C-alpha atoms as a PDB file:
ATOM      1  CA  MET A   1      10.861  -8.952   0.564  1.00  0.00           C
ATOM      2  CA  ILE A   2       8.288 -10.261   2.998  1.00  0.00           C
ATOM      3  CA  ILE A   3       5.113  -8.814   4.460  1.00  0.00           C
ATOM      4  CA  ARG A   4       3.989  -9.562   7.986  1.00  0.00           C
ATOM      5  CA  LYS A   5       1.614  -8.197  10.609  1.00  0.00           C
ATOM      6  CA  THR A   6       2.980  -5.174  12.410  1.00  0.00           C
ATOM      7  CA  ASP A   7       4.075  -5.747  15.989  1.00  0.00           C
ATOM      8  CA  LYS A   8       3.965  -3.068  18.699  1.00  0.00           C
ATOM      9  CA  SER A   9       7.774  -3.137  18.707  1.00  0.00           C
ATOM     10  CA  ASP A  10       7.695  -1.913  15.072  1.00  0.00           C
ATOM     11  CA  LEU A  11       5.921   1.348  15.961  1.00  0.00           C
ATOM     12  CA  VAL A  12       9.029   3.575  16.012  1.00  0.00           C
ATOM     13  CA  GLN A  13      10.211   2.384  12.592  1.00  0.00           C
ATOM     14  CA  VAL A  14       6.709   2.576  11.101  1.00  0.00           C
ATOM     15  CA  MET A  15       6.374   6.148  12.378  1.00  0.00           C
ATOM     16  CA  LYS A  16       9.705   7.079  10.739  1.00  0.00           C
ATOM     17  CA  ILE A  17       8.317   5.911   7.404  1.00  0.00           C
ATOM     18  CA  ILE A  18       5.013   7.730   8.022  1.00  0.00           C
ATOM     19  CA  LYS A  19       6.941  10.942   8.838  1.00  0.00           C
ATOM     20  CA  GLN A  20       8.936  10.578   5.599  1.00  0.00           C
ATOM     21  CA  ALA A  21       5.682  10.247   3.685  1.00  0.00           C
ATOM     22  CA  GLN A  22       4.221  13.293   5.439  1.00  0.00           C
ATOM     23  CA  GLU A  23       7.306  15.345   4.520  1.00  0.00           C
ATOM     24  CA  PHE A  24       7.154  14.111   0.910  1.00  0.00           C
ATOM     25  CA  LEU A  25       3.506  15.156   0.629  1.00  0.00           C
ATOM     26  CA  LYS A  26       4.243  18.525   2.244  1.00  0.00           C
ATOM     27  CA  GLU A  27       7.144  19.173  -0.167  1.00  0.00           C
ATOM     28  CA  LYS A  28       4.850  18.375  -3.096  1.00  0.00           C
ATOM     29  CA  ALA A  29       2.164  20.720  -1.660  1.00  0.00           C
ATOM     30  CA  ILE A  30      -0.279  17.816  -1.299  1.00  0.00           C
ATOM     31  CA  ASP A  31      -2.637  18.460   1.599  1.00  0.00           C
ATOM     32  CA  GLN A  32      -2.812  14.832   2.684  1.00  0.00           C
ATOM     33  CA  TRP A  33      -1.422  13.355   5.910  1.00  0.00           C
ATOM     34  CA  GLN A  34      -0.803  16.773   7.379  1.00  0.00           C
ATOM     35  CA  ASN A  35      -2.004  18.133  10.736  1.00  0.00           C
ATOM     36  CA  ASN A  36      -0.549  15.245  12.767  1.00  0.00           C
ATOM     37  CA  TYR A  37      -2.291  12.465  10.826  1.00  0.00           C
ATOM     38  CA  PRO A  38      -1.659   9.607  10.891  1.00  0.00           C
ATOM     39  CA  ASN A  39      -0.095   9.736  14.337  1.00  0.00           C
ATOM     40  CA  GLU A  40       1.129   7.119  16.816  1.00  0.00           C
ATOM     41  CA  ASN A  41      -2.365   6.645  18.250  1.00  0.00           C
ATOM     42  CA  VAL A  42      -3.809   5.875  14.808  1.00  0.00           C
ATOM     43  CA  ILE A  43      -1.011   3.445  13.954  1.00  0.00           C
ATOM     44  CA  SER A  44      -1.201   1.805  17.411  1.00  0.00           C
ATOM     45  CA  THR A  45      -4.930   1.229  16.910  1.00  0.00           C
ATOM     46  CA  ASP A  46      -4.229  -0.289  13.476  1.00  0.00           C
ATOM     47  CA  ILE A  47      -1.723  -2.651  15.113  1.00  0.00           C
ATOM     48  CA  GLU A  48      -4.108  -3.569  17.950  1.00  0.00           C
ATOM     49  CA  ASN A  49      -6.857  -4.277  15.406  1.00  0.00           C
ATOM     50  CA  GLY A  50      -4.541  -6.645  13.522  1.00  0.00           C
ATOM     51  CA  GLU A  51      -4.928  -4.598  10.331  1.00  0.00           C
ATOM     52  CA  SER A  52      -1.420  -3.125  10.074  1.00  0.00           C
ATOM     53  CA  TYR A  53       1.307  -4.779   8.017  1.00  0.00           C
ATOM     54  CA  VAL A  54       4.956  -4.045   7.340  1.00  0.00           C
ATOM     55  CA  LEU A  55       7.052  -4.818   4.295  1.00  0.00           C
ATOM     56  CA  GLU A  56      10.554  -5.997   5.156  1.00  0.00           C
ATOM     57  CA  ASP A  57      13.652  -6.296   3.018  1.00  0.00           C
ATOM     58  CA  GLU A  58      16.464  -8.306   4.608  1.00  0.00           C
ATOM     59  CA  GLY A  59      14.955  -7.737   8.057  1.00  0.00           C
ATOM     60  CA  LYS A  60      14.565  -3.966   7.621  1.00  0.00           C
ATOM     61  CA  ILE A  61      11.095  -2.407   7.606  1.00  0.00           C
ATOM     62  CA  ILE A  62      10.736  -0.495   4.336  1.00  0.00           C
ATOM     63  CA  GLY A  63       6.981  -0.034   4.044  1.00  0.00           C
ATOM     64  CA  THR A  64       3.680  -0.133   5.855  1.00  0.00           C
ATOM     65  CA  THR A  65      -0.019  -0.375   5.101  1.00  0.00           C
ATOM     66  CA  VAL A  66      -3.408  -1.199   6.566  1.00  0.00           C
ATOM     67  CA  VAL A  67      -5.726  -3.790   5.051  1.00  0.00           C
ATOM     68  CA  THR A  68      -9.193  -3.838   6.568  1.00  0.00           C
ATOM     69  CA  PHE A  69     -12.456  -5.654   5.995  1.00  0.00           C
ATOM     70  CA  ALA A  70     -14.461  -3.670   8.536  1.00  0.00           C
ATOM     71  CA  GLY A  71     -16.178  -1.528   5.911  1.00  0.00           C
ATOM     72  CA  GLU A  72     -15.691   2.192   5.487  1.00  0.00           C
ATOM     73  CA  LYS A  73     -18.585   4.462   6.381  1.00  0.00           C
ATOM     74  CA  THR A  74     -17.196   7.132   4.060  1.00  0.00           C
ATOM     75  CA  TYR A  75     -17.398   4.661   1.155  1.00  0.00           C
ATOM     76  CA  ASP A  76     -21.176   4.308   1.539  1.00  0.00           C
ATOM     77  CA  LYS A  77     -21.785   7.413  -0.585  1.00  0.00           C
ATOM     78  CA  ILE A  78     -19.788   7.978  -3.739  1.00  0.00           C
ATOM     79  CA  TYR A  79     -20.175  11.045  -5.922  1.00  0.00           C
ATOM     80  CA  GLU A  80     -19.348  11.793  -9.558  1.00  0.00           C
ATOM     81  CA  GLY A  81     -19.372   8.082 -10.362  1.00  0.00           C
ATOM     82  CA  LYS A  82     -20.070   4.692  -8.805  1.00  0.00           C
ATOM     83  CA  TRP A  83     -18.225   1.742  -7.356  1.00  0.00           C
ATOM     84  CA  LEU A  84     -17.548  -1.206  -9.659  1.00  0.00           C
ATOM     85  CA  SER A  85     -19.168  -3.578  -7.149  1.00  0.00           C
ATOM     86  CA  ASN A  86     -21.609  -3.452  -4.245  1.00  0.00           C
ATOM     87  CA  GLY A  87     -20.607  -6.471  -2.171  1.00  0.00           C
ATOM     88  CA  ASN A  88     -18.015  -7.103   0.503  1.00  0.00           C
ATOM     89  CA  TYR A  89     -14.627  -5.510  -0.052  1.00  0.00           C
ATOM     90  CA  GLY A  90     -11.204  -5.034   1.400  1.00  0.00           C
ATOM     91  CA  ALA A  91      -9.821  -1.541   1.820  1.00  0.00           C
ATOM     92  CA  ILE A  92      -6.223  -0.390   1.779  1.00  0.00           C
ATOM     93  CA  HIS A  93      -5.145   2.598   3.853  1.00  0.00           C
ATOM     94  CA  ARG A  94      -1.954   4.319   4.903  1.00  0.00           C
ATOM     95  CA  ILE A  95       0.468   2.942   2.321  1.00  0.00           C
ATOM     96  CA  ALA A  96       3.913   4.398   2.974  1.00  0.00           C
ATOM     97  CA  ILE A  97       7.291   3.359   1.596  1.00  0.00           C
ATOM     98  CA  ASP A  98      10.742   4.326   2.893  1.00  0.00           C
ATOM     99  CA  ASN A  99      12.091   6.990   0.502  1.00  0.00           C
ATOM    100  CA  ARG A 100      15.148   4.862  -0.304  1.00  0.00           C
ATOM    101  CA  TYR A 101      12.918   2.083  -1.656  1.00  0.00           C
ATOM    102  CA  LYS A 102      10.461   4.093  -3.745  1.00  0.00           C
ATOM    103  CA  GLY A 103      10.418   3.043  -7.371  1.00  0.00           C
ATOM    104  CA  HIS A 104      11.640  -0.492  -6.630  1.00  0.00           C
ATOM    105  CA  GLY A 105       8.308  -2.328  -6.571  1.00  0.00           C
ATOM    106  CA  ALA A 106       7.616  -2.054  -2.835  1.00  0.00           C
ATOM    107  CA  ALA A 107       4.154  -0.511  -3.258  1.00  0.00           C
ATOM    108  CA  HIS A 108       3.330  -3.113  -5.930  1.00  0.00           C
ATOM    109  CA  LYS A 109       4.285  -5.846  -3.451  1.00  0.00           C
ATOM    110  CA  ILE A 110       1.932  -4.333  -0.847  1.00  0.00           C
ATOM    111  CA  ILE A 111      -0.948  -4.180  -3.348  1.00  0.00           C
ATOM    112  CA  LYS A 112      -0.415  -7.804  -4.402  1.00  0.00           C
ATOM    113  CA  PHE A 113      -0.363  -8.845  -0.742  1.00  0.00           C
ATOM    114  CA  ALA A 114      -3.669  -7.040  -0.082  1.00  0.00           C
ATOM    115  CA  GLU A 115      -5.176  -8.782  -3.113  1.00  0.00           C
ATOM    116  CA  GLU A 116      -4.048 -12.182  -1.803  1.00  0.00           C
ATOM    117  CA  ILE A 117      -5.629 -11.540   1.607  1.00  0.00           C
ATOM    118  CA  CYS A 118      -8.906 -10.598  -0.082  1.00  0.00           C
ATOM    119  CA  ILE A 119      -8.943 -13.690  -2.271  1.00  0.00           C
ATOM    120  CA  GLU A 120      -8.197 -15.934   0.748  1.00  0.00           C
ATOM    121  CA  LYS A 121     -11.349 -14.470   2.333  1.00  0.00           C
ATOM    122  CA  ASN A 122     -13.378 -14.938  -0.889  1.00  0.00           C
ATOM    123  CA  ILE A 123     -13.590 -11.176  -1.311  1.00  0.00           C
ATOM    124  CA  TYR A 124     -13.049  -9.957  -4.851  1.00  0.00           C
ATOM    125  CA  SER A 125     -13.128  -6.190  -4.482  1.00  0.00           C
ATOM    126  CA  LEU A 126     -10.341  -3.970  -3.181  1.00  0.00           C
ATOM    127  CA  LYS A 127     -11.023  -0.269  -2.576  1.00  0.00           C
ATOM    128  CA  VAL A 128      -8.780   2.667  -1.752  1.00  0.00           C
ATOM    129  CA  ASP A 129      -8.946   6.441  -1.645  1.00  0.00           C
ATOM    130  CA  THR A 130      -6.343   9.171  -2.005  1.00  0.00           C
ATOM    131  CA  HIS A 131      -6.062  12.937  -2.226  1.00  0.00           C
ATOM    132  CA  GLU A 132      -6.890  14.393  -5.639  1.00  0.00           C
ATOM    133  CA  ASP A 133      -3.427  16.021  -5.767  1.00  0.00           C
ATOM    134  CA  ASN A 134      -1.576  12.817  -4.853  1.00  0.00           C
ATOM    135  CA  ILE A 135      -0.757  11.988  -8.456  1.00  0.00           C
ATOM    136  CA  PRO A 136       2.113   9.579  -7.615  1.00  0.00           C
ATOM    137  CA  MET A 137      -0.284   7.406  -5.573  1.00  0.00           C
ATOM    138  CA  GLN A 138      -2.989   7.576  -8.247  1.00  0.00           C
ATOM    139  CA  LYS A 139      -0.475   6.526 -10.917  1.00  0.00           C
ATOM    140  CA  MET A 140       0.764   3.615  -8.804  1.00  0.00           C
ATOM    141  CA  LEU A 141      -2.792   2.444  -8.122  1.00  0.00           C
ATOM    142  CA  LYS A 142      -3.818   2.675 -11.783  1.00  0.00           C
ATOM    143  CA  LYS A 143      -0.623   0.860 -12.809  1.00  0.00           C
ATOM    144  CA  ASN A 144      -1.753  -1.920 -10.453  1.00  0.00           C
ATOM    145  CA  GLY A 145      -5.180  -2.206 -12.075  1.00  0.00           C
ATOM    146  CA  PHE A 146      -7.327   0.130  -9.959  1.00  0.00           C
ATOM    147  CA  LYS A 147     -10.060   2.092 -11.713  1.00  0.00           C
ATOM    148  CA  ASN A 148     -11.138   5.597 -10.768  1.00  0.00           C
ATOM    149  CA  CYS A 149     -14.732   5.288  -9.537  1.00  0.00           C
ATOM    150  CA  GLY A 150     -15.582   8.787  -8.311  1.00  0.00           C
ATOM    151  CA  VAL A 151     -15.220  10.913  -5.214  1.00  0.00           C
ATOM    152  CA  ILE A 152     -15.811  10.242  -1.523  1.00  0.00           C
ATOM    153  CA  TYR A 153     -15.666  12.644   1.399  1.00  0.00           C
ATOM    154  CA  LEU A 154     -13.928  11.823   4.662  1.00  0.00           C
ATOM    155  CA  GLU A 155     -15.645  12.494   7.978  1.00  0.00           C
ATOM    156  CA  ASP A 156     -13.924  15.903   8.165  1.00  0.00           C
ATOM    157  CA  GLY A 157     -15.286  16.782   4.710  1.00  0.00           C
ATOM    158  CA  SER A 158     -11.997  16.283   2.851  1.00  0.00           C
ATOM    159  CA  LYS A 159     -12.451  15.216  -0.767  1.00  0.00           C
ATOM    160  CA  ARG A 160     -10.776  11.985  -1.908  1.00  0.00           C
ATOM    161  CA  ILE A 161     -10.495  10.150  -5.212  1.00  0.00           C
ATOM    162  CA  ALA A 162     -12.064   6.686  -4.821  1.00  0.00           C
ATOM    163  CA  LEU A 163     -10.611   3.736  -6.701  1.00  0.00           C
ATOM    164  CA  GLU A 164     -11.489   0.051  -6.878  1.00  0.00           C
ATOM    165  CA  LYS A 165     -10.037  -3.107  -8.349  1.00  0.00           C
ATOM    166  CA  ILE A 166     -12.090  -6.213  -9.061  1.00  0.00           C
ATOM    167  CA  LEU A 167     -10.006  -9.276  -8.282  1.00  0.00           C
ATOM    168  CA  LYS A 168      -9.995 -12.519 -10.247  1.00  0.00           C
ATOM    169  CA  LYS A 169     -11.066 -15.737  -8.544  1.00  0.00           C
END
């Protein structure tokens, strides 16, 4: 498996994986990634910003994510807890894995990749947020060393569980 920057030509395949994830969340009654989010415009912007990555297995795209260092306005205020660190950080967004590859270490590979990018930039904090009902994502993140830090609210007021991992130099 390899991870590379997403190219505009990958958009159709990335959107198929996003749609699978949206359906999975809907089936599990998790109110995350519904109401046409993320859509092609969001993913296209991620690609244009150079923050979107795809995970490939034998040339087939099986996963996608965003790793950003731009800072998240919604992370400025955390409730019911506190972040583990206050300095620069990387943030992971929009992790999605093709249904046929779930449970085979694909998400773990994406997390490790995000950690490596952070360390290359001398950044030792990685933050992420997810819906409070998205237990599979929370379990995967905790299995990969993330700690629950509290709650953040998205710009639309949606509540999210905030997690952080301190990386080793």
